[in-house]
N, C-alpha and C. Protein backbone atom coordinates (compact mmCIF):
# COMPACT_ATOMS: atom_id res chain seq x y z
N UNK A 1 31.09 3.11 208.83
CA UNK A 1 30.90 4.15 207.81
C UNK A 1 31.63 3.76 206.52
N UNK A 2 31.45 2.49 206.14
CA UNK A 2 32.07 2.03 204.91
C UNK A 2 31.54 2.81 203.71
N UNK A 3 30.25 3.16 203.77
CA UNK A 3 29.66 3.90 202.64
C UNK A 3 30.32 5.25 202.46
N UNK A 4 30.64 5.94 203.56
CA UNK A 4 31.29 7.25 203.46
C UNK A 4 32.67 7.12 202.82
N UNK A 5 33.45 6.12 203.24
CA UNK A 5 34.77 5.92 202.65
C UNK A 5 34.66 5.58 201.16
N UNK A 6 33.69 4.77 200.81
CA UNK A 6 33.49 4.40 199.40
C UNK A 6 33.07 5.61 198.58
N UNK A 7 32.22 6.46 199.15
CA UNK A 7 31.79 7.68 198.45
C UNK A 7 32.95 8.66 198.27
N UNK A 8 33.81 8.76 199.28
CA UNK A 8 34.98 9.64 199.14
C UNK A 8 35.88 9.17 198.02
N UNK A 9 36.03 7.85 197.90
CA UNK A 9 36.83 7.30 196.80
C UNK A 9 36.18 7.61 195.46
N UNK A 10 34.86 7.46 195.39
CA UNK A 10 34.16 7.78 194.15
C UNK A 10 34.24 9.27 193.83
N UNK A 11 34.17 10.11 194.86
CA UNK A 11 34.28 11.55 194.64
C UNK A 11 35.64 11.91 194.06
N UNK A 12 36.69 11.31 194.61
CA UNK A 12 38.03 11.55 194.07
C UNK A 12 38.13 11.08 192.61
N UNK A 13 37.52 9.91 192.33
CA UNK A 13 37.51 9.42 190.95
C UNK A 13 36.74 10.33 190.02
N UNK A 14 35.63 10.86 190.50
CA UNK A 14 34.82 11.77 189.67
C UNK A 14 35.59 13.05 189.35
N UNK A 15 36.22 13.65 190.36
CA UNK A 15 36.98 14.87 190.14
C UNK A 15 38.13 14.62 189.17
N UNK A 16 38.79 13.48 189.31
CA UNK A 16 39.92 13.16 188.43
C UNK A 16 39.45 12.98 186.99
N UNK A 17 38.36 12.24 186.79
CA UNK A 17 37.85 12.01 185.44
C UNK A 17 37.38 13.32 184.82
N UNK A 18 36.67 14.15 185.60
CA UNK A 18 36.19 15.42 185.06
C UNK A 18 37.36 16.33 184.70
N UNK A 19 38.39 16.38 185.55
CA UNK A 19 39.53 17.25 185.28
C UNK A 19 40.29 16.80 184.03
N UNK A 20 40.35 15.49 183.80
CA UNK A 20 41.03 14.98 182.62
C UNK A 20 40.20 15.13 181.36
N UNK A 21 38.87 15.27 181.52
CA UNK A 21 38.00 15.31 180.34
C UNK A 21 37.87 16.71 179.75
N UNK A 22 38.26 17.75 180.49
CA UNK A 22 38.14 19.10 179.98
C UNK A 22 39.27 19.97 180.52
N UNK A 23 39.77 20.83 179.68
CA UNK A 23 40.78 21.80 180.10
C UNK A 23 40.17 23.17 180.33
N UNK A 24 38.88 23.29 180.07
CA UNK A 24 38.18 24.55 180.26
C UNK A 24 37.28 24.41 181.47
N UNK A 25 37.76 24.85 182.62
CA UNK A 25 37.03 24.64 183.86
C UNK A 25 35.74 25.45 183.94
N UNK A 26 35.61 26.49 183.11
CA UNK A 26 34.43 27.33 183.18
C UNK A 26 33.23 26.72 182.44
N UNK A 27 33.44 25.61 181.74
CA UNK A 27 32.36 24.97 181.00
C UNK A 27 31.82 23.80 181.83
N UNK A 28 30.52 23.83 182.10
CA UNK A 28 29.87 22.75 182.82
C UNK A 28 29.41 21.72 181.80
N UNK A 29 30.12 20.63 181.70
CA UNK A 29 29.77 19.59 180.74
C UNK A 29 28.62 18.74 181.27
N UNK A 30 27.89 18.04 180.40
CA UNK A 30 26.80 17.14 180.88
C UNK A 30 27.30 16.12 181.90
N UNK A 31 28.49 15.60 181.70
CA UNK A 31 29.05 14.64 182.66
C UNK A 31 29.23 15.28 184.03
N UNK A 32 29.79 16.48 184.06
CA UNK A 32 29.98 17.18 185.33
C UNK A 32 28.67 17.55 185.99
N UNK A 33 27.70 18.01 185.19
CA UNK A 33 26.41 18.41 185.74
C UNK A 33 25.67 17.21 186.34
N UNK A 34 25.64 16.10 185.59
CA UNK A 34 24.93 14.92 186.08
C UNK A 34 25.63 14.35 187.31
N UNK A 35 26.96 14.37 187.31
CA UNK A 35 27.69 13.86 188.46
C UNK A 35 27.42 14.67 189.72
N UNK A 36 27.44 15.99 189.61
CA UNK A 36 27.17 16.86 190.76
C UNK A 36 25.73 16.66 191.24
N UNK A 37 24.81 16.51 190.30
CA UNK A 37 23.41 16.28 190.69
C UNK A 37 23.27 14.97 191.46
N UNK A 38 23.90 13.91 191.00
CA UNK A 38 23.82 12.63 191.70
C UNK A 38 24.43 12.73 193.10
N UNK A 39 25.56 13.41 193.20
CA UNK A 39 26.22 13.55 194.50
C UNK A 39 25.34 14.33 195.48
N UNK A 40 24.73 15.42 194.99
CA UNK A 40 23.94 16.26 195.88
C UNK A 40 22.57 15.67 196.20
N UNK A 41 21.98 14.92 195.26
CA UNK A 41 20.62 14.46 195.43
C UNK A 41 20.52 13.06 196.02
N UNK A 42 21.51 12.21 195.77
CA UNK A 42 21.39 10.79 196.15
C UNK A 42 22.29 10.43 197.33
N UNK A 43 23.51 10.88 197.31
CA UNK A 43 24.47 10.44 198.32
C UNK A 43 24.07 10.78 199.76
N UNK A 44 23.65 12.02 200.06
CA UNK A 44 23.38 12.34 201.49
C UNK A 44 22.35 11.41 202.12
N UNK A 45 21.28 11.09 201.40
CA UNK A 45 20.23 10.24 201.98
C UNK A 45 20.75 8.84 202.27
N UNK A 46 21.53 8.27 201.37
CA UNK A 46 22.03 6.91 201.59
C UNK A 46 23.08 6.87 202.70
N UNK A 47 23.90 7.90 202.79
CA UNK A 47 24.88 7.95 203.88
C UNK A 47 24.19 8.08 205.23
N UNK A 48 23.15 8.93 205.29
CA UNK A 48 22.41 9.10 206.53
C UNK A 48 21.68 7.81 206.92
N UNK A 49 21.10 7.13 205.93
CA UNK A 49 20.41 5.88 206.22
C UNK A 49 21.36 4.82 206.75
N UNK A 50 22.57 4.81 206.23
CA UNK A 50 23.57 3.84 206.70
C UNK A 50 24.06 4.20 208.09
N UNK A 51 24.32 5.49 208.33
CA UNK A 51 24.88 5.90 209.62
C UNK A 51 23.86 5.81 210.75
N UNK A 52 22.59 6.06 210.46
CA UNK A 52 21.57 6.07 211.51
C UNK A 52 20.82 4.75 211.62
N UNK A 53 21.18 3.78 210.78
CA UNK A 53 20.55 2.46 210.80
C UNK A 53 19.05 2.54 210.48
N UNK A 54 18.64 3.54 209.70
CA UNK A 54 17.24 3.64 209.31
C UNK A 54 16.87 2.60 208.27
N UNK A 55 17.84 2.24 207.44
CA UNK A 55 17.59 1.25 206.40
C UNK A 55 17.77 -0.15 206.96
N UNK A 56 16.81 -1.04 206.66
CA UNK A 56 16.92 -2.42 207.14
C UNK A 56 18.12 -3.13 206.54
N UNK A 57 18.47 -2.72 205.32
CA UNK A 57 19.62 -3.33 204.68
C UNK A 57 20.92 -2.63 205.00
N UNK A 58 20.86 -1.63 205.91
CA UNK A 58 22.03 -0.86 206.31
C UNK A 58 22.73 -0.25 205.09
N UNK A 59 23.76 -0.90 204.59
CA UNK A 59 24.57 -0.31 203.52
C UNK A 59 24.03 -0.60 202.13
N UNK A 60 22.88 -1.28 202.04
CA UNK A 60 22.38 -1.67 200.71
C UNK A 60 22.05 -0.45 199.84
N UNK A 61 21.32 0.57 200.33
CA UNK A 61 21.06 1.74 199.47
C UNK A 61 22.34 2.43 199.02
N UNK A 62 23.30 2.55 199.93
CA UNK A 62 24.57 3.18 199.56
C UNK A 62 25.31 2.33 198.53
N UNK A 63 25.22 1.02 198.67
CA UNK A 63 25.89 0.13 197.72
C UNK A 63 25.29 0.27 196.33
N UNK A 64 23.96 0.30 196.25
CA UNK A 64 23.30 0.44 194.95
C UNK A 64 23.65 1.78 194.30
N UNK A 65 23.56 2.86 195.08
CA UNK A 65 23.84 4.19 194.53
C UNK A 65 25.31 4.33 194.12
N UNK A 66 26.21 3.78 194.91
CA UNK A 66 27.63 3.91 194.60
C UNK A 66 28.00 3.07 193.38
N UNK A 67 27.42 1.89 193.24
CA UNK A 67 27.69 1.06 192.06
C UNK A 67 27.16 1.73 190.80
N UNK A 68 26.00 2.37 190.92
CA UNK A 68 25.46 3.09 189.77
C UNK A 68 26.37 4.25 189.38
N UNK A 69 26.89 4.97 190.37
CA UNK A 69 27.79 6.09 190.08
C UNK A 69 29.10 5.59 189.51
N UNK A 70 29.60 4.47 190.03
CA UNK A 70 30.82 3.88 189.48
C UNK A 70 30.60 3.47 188.03
N UNK A 71 29.40 2.94 187.74
CA UNK A 71 29.08 2.60 186.35
C UNK A 71 29.08 3.83 185.45
N UNK A 72 28.60 4.97 186.00
CA UNK A 72 28.65 6.23 185.24
C UNK A 72 30.08 6.61 184.91
N UNK A 73 30.96 6.53 185.89
CA UNK A 73 32.36 6.89 185.66
C UNK A 73 33.00 5.98 184.61
N UNK A 74 32.83 4.68 184.79
CA UNK A 74 33.44 3.73 183.86
C UNK A 74 32.85 3.89 182.46
N UNK A 75 31.52 4.04 182.40
CA UNK A 75 30.89 4.21 181.09
C UNK A 75 31.35 5.47 180.37
N UNK A 76 31.52 6.56 181.12
CA UNK A 76 31.98 7.80 180.48
C UNK A 76 33.41 7.65 179.98
N UNK A 77 34.27 7.03 180.78
CA UNK A 77 35.66 6.85 180.37
C UNK A 77 35.73 6.00 179.10
N UNK A 78 34.97 4.92 179.06
CA UNK A 78 34.99 4.04 177.88
C UNK A 78 34.43 4.76 176.65
N UNK A 79 33.31 5.48 176.84
CA UNK A 79 32.70 6.20 175.72
C UNK A 79 33.63 7.30 175.20
N UNK A 80 34.27 8.03 176.12
CA UNK A 80 35.18 9.10 175.71
C UNK A 80 36.37 8.54 174.94
N UNK A 81 36.89 7.41 175.40
CA UNK A 81 38.01 6.79 174.70
C UNK A 81 37.59 6.23 173.35
N UNK A 82 36.36 5.74 173.26
CA UNK A 82 35.89 5.13 172.01
C UNK A 82 35.67 6.18 170.93
N UNK A 83 35.03 7.29 171.27
CA UNK A 83 34.72 8.32 170.27
C UNK A 83 35.85 9.33 170.12
N UNK A 84 36.88 9.23 170.93
CA UNK A 84 38.00 10.16 170.84
C UNK A 84 37.69 11.54 171.37
N UNK A 85 37.00 11.61 172.50
CA UNK A 85 36.66 12.90 173.10
C UNK A 85 37.90 13.51 173.73
N UNK A 86 38.33 14.65 173.20
CA UNK A 86 39.52 15.32 173.70
C UNK A 86 39.19 16.37 174.74
N UNK A 87 40.14 16.71 175.59
CA UNK A 87 39.89 17.73 176.62
C UNK A 87 39.71 19.14 176.07
N UNK A 88 40.04 19.35 174.78
CA UNK A 88 39.87 20.68 174.19
C UNK A 88 38.46 20.90 173.66
N UNK A 89 37.66 19.84 173.53
CA UNK A 89 36.35 19.97 172.91
C UNK A 89 35.41 20.90 173.66
N UNK A 90 35.29 20.85 175.00
CA UNK A 90 34.40 21.81 175.67
C UNK A 90 34.76 23.26 175.41
N UNK A 91 36.07 23.57 175.38
CA UNK A 91 36.48 24.94 175.11
C UNK A 91 36.14 25.38 173.70
N UNK A 92 36.36 24.49 172.72
CA UNK A 92 36.03 24.83 171.34
C UNK A 92 34.52 24.97 171.15
N UNK A 93 33.76 24.17 171.87
CA UNK A 93 32.30 24.28 171.79
C UNK A 93 31.84 25.62 172.36
N UNK A 94 32.47 26.06 173.45
CA UNK A 94 32.08 27.34 174.06
C UNK A 94 32.39 28.51 173.14
N UNK A 95 33.50 28.44 172.41
CA UNK A 95 33.89 29.55 171.55
C UNK A 95 33.16 29.55 170.21
N UNK A 96 32.41 28.50 169.93
CA UNK A 96 31.69 28.43 168.66
C UNK A 96 30.49 29.37 168.70
N UNK A 97 30.25 30.05 167.60
CA UNK A 97 29.13 30.99 167.53
C UNK A 97 27.80 30.23 167.53
N UNK A 98 26.83 30.78 168.24
CA UNK A 98 25.49 30.20 168.30
C UNK A 98 24.62 30.89 167.27
N UNK A 99 24.03 30.11 166.38
CA UNK A 99 23.19 30.65 165.32
C UNK A 99 21.73 30.58 165.72
N UNK A 100 21.02 31.67 165.50
CA UNK A 100 19.58 31.74 165.78
C UNK A 100 18.88 32.14 164.49
N UNK A 101 18.46 31.15 163.68
CA UNK A 101 17.94 31.47 162.34
C UNK A 101 16.54 32.06 162.33
N UNK A 102 15.82 32.05 163.46
CA UNK A 102 14.44 32.50 163.47
C UNK A 102 14.30 33.77 164.30
N UNK A 103 13.27 34.56 164.06
CA UNK A 103 13.03 35.79 164.85
C UNK A 103 12.69 35.47 166.30
N UNK A 104 12.78 36.50 167.15
CA UNK A 104 12.50 36.32 168.58
C UNK A 104 11.08 35.83 168.82
N UNK A 105 10.13 36.31 168.01
CA UNK A 105 8.75 35.92 168.21
C UNK A 105 8.51 34.43 168.05
N UNK A 106 9.23 33.79 167.14
CA UNK A 106 9.07 32.35 166.93
C UNK A 106 9.53 31.59 168.16
N UNK A 107 10.68 31.98 168.70
CA UNK A 107 11.19 31.31 169.90
C UNK A 107 10.25 31.52 171.08
N UNK A 108 9.70 32.73 171.19
CA UNK A 108 8.80 33.01 172.31
C UNK A 108 7.55 32.14 172.22
N UNK A 109 6.99 31.99 171.03
CA UNK A 109 5.78 31.19 170.85
C UNK A 109 6.06 29.72 171.16
N UNK A 110 7.19 29.21 170.67
CA UNK A 110 7.53 27.81 170.90
C UNK A 110 7.77 27.54 172.39
N UNK A 111 8.51 28.44 173.05
CA UNK A 111 8.78 28.27 174.48
C UNK A 111 7.49 28.32 175.28
N UNK A 112 6.62 29.28 174.96
CA UNK A 112 5.35 29.40 175.67
C UNK A 112 4.47 28.17 175.43
N UNK A 113 4.44 27.67 174.19
CA UNK A 113 3.63 26.49 173.88
C UNK A 113 4.14 25.26 174.62
N UNK A 114 5.46 25.10 174.67
CA UNK A 114 6.04 23.97 175.39
C UNK A 114 5.75 24.07 176.89
N UNK A 115 5.86 25.28 177.44
CA UNK A 115 5.60 25.47 178.87
C UNK A 115 4.15 25.15 179.20
N UNK A 116 3.23 25.62 178.38
CA UNK A 116 1.81 25.34 178.62
C UNK A 116 1.51 23.85 178.49
N UNK A 117 2.14 23.20 177.51
CA UNK A 117 1.93 21.75 177.33
C UNK A 117 2.44 20.97 178.52
N UNK A 118 3.65 21.30 179.00
CA UNK A 118 4.21 20.59 180.15
C UNK A 118 3.40 20.87 181.41
N UNK A 119 2.95 22.11 181.59
CA UNK A 119 2.13 22.43 182.75
C UNK A 119 0.81 21.67 182.71
N UNK A 120 0.20 21.59 181.52
CA UNK A 120 -1.05 20.84 181.39
C UNK A 120 -0.86 19.36 181.67
N UNK A 121 0.25 18.78 181.18
CA UNK A 121 0.53 17.38 181.46
C UNK A 121 0.73 17.16 182.96
N UNK A 122 1.40 18.12 183.62
CA UNK A 122 1.63 17.99 185.05
C UNK A 122 0.32 18.03 185.84
N UNK A 123 -0.57 18.97 185.48
CA UNK A 123 -1.86 19.05 186.17
C UNK A 123 -2.69 17.79 185.93
N UNK A 124 -2.59 17.24 184.72
CA UNK A 124 -3.35 16.02 184.42
C UNK A 124 -2.78 14.83 185.19
N UNK A 125 -1.46 14.73 185.25
CA UNK A 125 -0.84 13.60 185.94
C UNK A 125 -1.13 13.64 187.43
N UNK A 126 -0.95 14.81 188.05
CA UNK A 126 -1.12 14.93 189.50
C UNK A 126 -2.56 15.26 189.90
N UNK A 127 -3.42 15.50 188.90
CA UNK A 127 -4.79 15.90 189.19
C UNK A 127 -4.83 17.12 190.10
N UNK A 128 -3.96 18.06 189.82
CA UNK A 128 -3.84 19.27 190.62
C UNK A 128 -2.39 19.69 190.72
N UNK A 129 -2.01 20.24 191.87
CA UNK A 129 -0.63 20.67 192.09
C UNK A 129 0.28 19.47 192.28
N UNK A 130 1.56 19.61 191.96
CA UNK A 130 2.52 18.52 192.22
C UNK A 130 2.61 18.23 193.72
N UNK A 131 3.04 17.02 194.09
CA UNK A 131 3.11 16.66 195.51
C UNK A 131 3.97 17.60 196.35
N UNK A 132 5.04 18.14 195.76
CA UNK A 132 5.89 19.05 196.53
C UNK A 132 5.12 20.30 196.93
N UNK A 133 4.34 20.85 196.01
CA UNK A 133 3.55 22.04 196.32
C UNK A 133 2.50 21.72 197.38
N UNK A 134 1.83 20.56 197.23
CA UNK A 134 0.85 20.15 198.25
C UNK A 134 1.51 19.97 199.61
N UNK A 135 2.73 19.41 199.61
CA UNK A 135 3.43 19.24 200.88
C UNK A 135 3.79 20.56 201.53
N UNK A 136 4.22 21.52 200.72
CA UNK A 136 4.55 22.85 201.27
C UNK A 136 3.30 23.54 201.80
N UNK A 137 2.18 23.38 201.09
CA UNK A 137 0.93 23.96 201.58
C UNK A 137 0.50 23.31 202.89
N UNK A 138 0.67 21.98 202.98
CA UNK A 138 0.33 21.28 204.22
C UNK A 138 1.23 21.73 205.36
N UNK A 139 2.51 21.95 205.04
CA UNK A 139 3.45 22.42 206.06
C UNK A 139 3.07 23.81 206.55
N UNK A 140 2.64 24.66 205.62
CA UNK A 140 2.25 26.01 206.01
C UNK A 140 0.98 26.03 206.82
N UNK A 141 0.07 25.10 206.53
CA UNK A 141 -1.21 25.07 207.25
C UNK A 141 -1.10 24.45 208.64
N UNK A 142 -0.38 23.33 208.73
CA UNK A 142 -0.31 22.60 210.00
C UNK A 142 0.97 22.86 210.77
N UNK A 143 2.04 23.21 210.06
CA UNK A 143 3.33 23.42 210.72
C UNK A 143 4.02 22.13 211.11
N UNK A 144 3.49 20.98 210.70
CA UNK A 144 4.08 19.68 211.04
C UNK A 144 4.84 19.13 209.85
N UNK A 145 6.13 18.87 210.07
CA UNK A 145 6.98 18.37 208.99
C UNK A 145 6.53 16.98 208.56
N UNK A 146 6.18 16.12 209.51
CA UNK A 146 5.79 14.76 209.18
C UNK A 146 4.53 14.74 208.33
N UNK A 147 3.60 15.65 208.61
CA UNK A 147 2.39 15.73 207.81
C UNK A 147 2.72 16.09 206.36
N UNK A 148 3.63 17.04 206.18
CA UNK A 148 4.03 17.42 204.83
C UNK A 148 4.73 16.27 204.12
N UNK A 149 5.57 15.54 204.85
CA UNK A 149 6.26 14.38 204.26
C UNK A 149 5.26 13.33 203.81
N UNK A 150 4.24 13.09 204.64
CA UNK A 150 3.22 12.10 204.28
C UNK A 150 2.45 12.51 203.03
N UNK A 151 2.16 13.79 202.91
CA UNK A 151 1.44 14.28 201.73
C UNK A 151 2.29 14.10 200.48
N UNK A 152 3.57 14.44 200.57
CA UNK A 152 4.46 14.29 199.41
C UNK A 152 4.63 12.83 199.04
N UNK A 153 4.82 11.97 200.05
CA UNK A 153 5.01 10.54 199.78
C UNK A 153 3.77 9.93 199.13
N UNK A 154 2.58 10.30 199.64
CA UNK A 154 1.34 9.77 199.06
C UNK A 154 1.15 10.25 197.63
N UNK A 155 1.45 11.50 197.38
CA UNK A 155 1.32 12.04 196.03
C UNK A 155 2.28 11.40 195.05
N UNK A 156 3.51 11.20 195.47
CA UNK A 156 4.51 10.57 194.59
C UNK A 156 4.16 9.11 194.34
N UNK A 157 3.64 8.44 195.36
CA UNK A 157 3.25 7.04 195.17
C UNK A 157 2.11 6.92 194.17
N UNK A 158 1.15 7.81 194.28
CA UNK A 158 0.02 7.77 193.35
C UNK A 158 0.45 8.10 191.93
N UNK A 159 1.40 9.06 191.80
CA UNK A 159 1.83 9.49 190.47
C UNK A 159 2.75 8.49 189.80
N UNK A 160 3.46 7.68 190.57
CA UNK A 160 4.42 6.75 189.98
C UNK A 160 3.97 5.29 190.01
N UNK A 161 3.20 4.91 191.03
CA UNK A 161 2.82 3.51 191.19
C UNK A 161 1.32 3.32 191.39
N UNK A 162 0.55 4.39 191.24
CA UNK A 162 -0.87 4.29 191.52
C UNK A 162 -1.58 3.28 190.63
N UNK A 163 -1.18 3.20 189.35
CA UNK A 163 -1.86 2.28 188.44
C UNK A 163 -1.55 0.82 188.77
N UNK A 164 -0.48 0.57 189.53
CA UNK A 164 -0.21 -0.79 189.99
C UNK A 164 -1.03 -1.15 191.23
N UNK A 165 -1.54 -0.12 191.91
CA UNK A 165 -2.25 -0.34 193.17
C UNK A 165 -3.76 -0.12 193.03
N UNK A 166 -4.25 -0.17 191.81
CA UNK A 166 -5.69 -0.07 191.60
C UNK A 166 -6.17 1.29 191.15
N UNK A 167 -5.29 2.29 191.10
CA UNK A 167 -5.70 3.62 190.65
C UNK A 167 -5.79 3.64 189.12
N UNK A 168 -6.42 4.67 188.60
CA UNK A 168 -6.56 4.80 187.15
C UNK A 168 -5.21 5.10 186.52
N UNK A 169 -5.00 4.53 185.34
CA UNK A 169 -3.76 4.79 184.62
C UNK A 169 -3.91 6.08 183.81
N UNK A 170 -3.02 7.03 184.03
CA UNK A 170 -3.06 8.31 183.34
C UNK A 170 -1.75 8.56 182.60
N UNK A 171 -1.15 7.50 182.12
CA UNK A 171 0.12 7.66 181.40
C UNK A 171 1.26 8.04 182.31
N UNK A 172 1.26 7.50 183.55
CA UNK A 172 2.21 7.93 184.57
C UNK A 172 3.67 7.86 184.09
N UNK A 173 4.07 6.71 183.58
CA UNK A 173 5.47 6.56 183.21
C UNK A 173 5.87 7.50 182.09
N UNK A 174 5.04 7.58 181.04
CA UNK A 174 5.37 8.41 179.88
C UNK A 174 5.35 9.89 180.24
N UNK A 175 4.27 10.32 180.91
CA UNK A 175 4.14 11.74 181.24
C UNK A 175 5.21 12.17 182.22
N UNK A 176 5.51 11.33 183.22
CA UNK A 176 6.52 11.69 184.20
C UNK A 176 7.88 11.85 183.54
N UNK A 177 8.19 10.98 182.58
CA UNK A 177 9.46 11.10 181.86
C UNK A 177 9.50 12.37 181.02
N UNK A 178 8.38 12.70 180.39
CA UNK A 178 8.32 13.94 179.61
C UNK A 178 8.53 15.16 180.49
N UNK A 179 7.94 15.15 181.68
CA UNK A 179 8.10 16.28 182.59
C UNK A 179 9.53 16.39 183.11
N UNK A 180 10.11 15.25 183.46
CA UNK A 180 11.47 15.26 184.01
C UNK A 180 12.50 15.70 182.97
N UNK A 181 12.25 15.38 181.71
CA UNK A 181 13.18 15.78 180.65
C UNK A 181 12.80 17.12 180.03
N UNK A 182 11.49 17.37 179.95
CA UNK A 182 11.02 18.56 179.25
C UNK A 182 11.32 19.86 179.95
N UNK A 183 11.07 19.92 181.28
CA UNK A 183 11.29 21.18 181.99
C UNK A 183 12.76 21.60 182.01
N UNK A 184 13.70 20.71 182.34
CA UNK A 184 15.11 21.14 182.28
C UNK A 184 15.53 21.57 180.88
N UNK A 185 15.06 20.85 179.85
CA UNK A 185 15.40 21.23 178.48
C UNK A 185 14.83 22.59 178.14
N UNK A 186 13.58 22.83 178.52
CA UNK A 186 12.94 24.11 178.21
C UNK A 186 13.61 25.26 178.94
N UNK A 187 13.93 25.06 180.22
CA UNK A 187 14.61 26.11 180.98
C UNK A 187 15.98 26.41 180.39
N UNK A 188 16.69 25.36 179.95
CA UNK A 188 18.01 25.56 179.35
C UNK A 188 17.90 26.36 178.05
N UNK A 189 16.91 26.01 177.21
CA UNK A 189 16.73 26.73 175.95
C UNK A 189 16.36 28.19 176.19
N UNK A 190 15.40 28.42 177.11
CA UNK A 190 14.98 29.79 177.39
C UNK A 190 16.12 30.61 178.00
N UNK A 191 16.90 29.99 178.89
CA UNK A 191 18.01 30.71 179.52
C UNK A 191 19.09 31.03 178.50
N UNK A 192 19.39 30.08 177.61
CA UNK A 192 20.38 30.33 176.57
C UNK A 192 19.93 31.45 175.65
N UNK A 193 18.67 31.42 175.26
CA UNK A 193 18.13 32.47 174.40
C UNK A 193 18.19 33.82 175.10
N UNK A 194 17.90 33.84 176.39
CA UNK A 194 17.94 35.10 177.14
C UNK A 194 19.37 35.64 177.21
N UNK A 195 20.35 34.75 177.43
CA UNK A 195 21.74 35.19 177.51
C UNK A 195 22.24 35.71 176.17
N UNK A 196 21.71 35.15 175.08
CA UNK A 196 22.14 35.59 173.75
C UNK A 196 21.54 36.94 173.37
N UNK A 197 20.28 37.17 173.73
CA UNK A 197 19.58 38.36 173.28
C UNK A 197 19.33 39.38 174.38
N UNK A 198 19.46 38.93 175.67
CA UNK A 198 19.10 39.76 176.82
C UNK A 198 17.66 40.25 176.70
N UNK A 199 16.83 39.40 176.10
CA UNK A 199 15.43 39.75 175.92
C UNK A 199 14.58 38.96 176.89
N UNK A 200 13.70 39.65 177.60
CA UNK A 200 12.84 38.97 178.56
C UNK A 200 11.72 38.19 177.88
N UNK A 201 11.57 38.33 176.57
CA UNK A 201 10.53 37.58 175.86
C UNK A 201 10.77 36.08 175.98
N UNK A 202 12.03 35.67 176.01
CA UNK A 202 12.34 34.25 176.07
C UNK A 202 11.92 33.63 177.39
N UNK A 203 11.87 34.44 178.44
CA UNK A 203 11.55 33.92 179.77
C UNK A 203 10.18 34.40 180.26
N UNK A 204 9.44 35.13 179.43
CA UNK A 204 8.20 35.72 179.91
C UNK A 204 7.16 34.67 180.25
N UNK A 205 7.20 33.50 179.58
CA UNK A 205 6.17 32.50 179.82
C UNK A 205 6.29 31.92 181.22
N UNK A 206 7.47 32.00 181.86
CA UNK A 206 7.63 31.45 183.19
C UNK A 206 7.07 32.38 184.26
N UNK A 207 6.91 33.64 183.93
CA UNK A 207 6.38 34.58 184.93
C UNK A 207 4.89 34.83 184.75
N UNK A 208 4.31 34.22 183.71
CA UNK A 208 2.89 34.43 183.47
C UNK A 208 2.06 33.42 184.24
């Protein structure tokens, strides 16, 4: 379980770097958010693959993921030292007033337009529902987990590598990047606007 010990060391390093980078624990910085996401989304699968010998390379997936995370830590420390990022900056950013120069209607139209554009790109890329939705539908119909996994894997393969395997090119790389960046950005903007105004107009496009 060398991978587990290495991950524990990286976890301690991450907590130490994050604690030194901010004195305001209530502020979730991009570094902290991305680090937690990597830990929750990537580490468990690589540790399980190493422990259960599912991976032919045994510790290779864990080694790749841990080196990438170590690069994140080192890169953040170097960047913070280079630009002079102080631990007081997150707190001062939180206390800064947020200016909204446009009326609520403008934000609602922009958010709705962005949501419709991203949804349309997603339907075009996947030629229907995303693979996760198809997998959940397959799971509900058949009740077999492996069947749902196969549906999701086939859909993801077609959406990311289909044009390399003879399928039609539908802008997979560009559209997938837009979706991966666009939805979190849009949700963050709509949520921030909702917290500022307590108006459901900012979030109405997600319930339509």
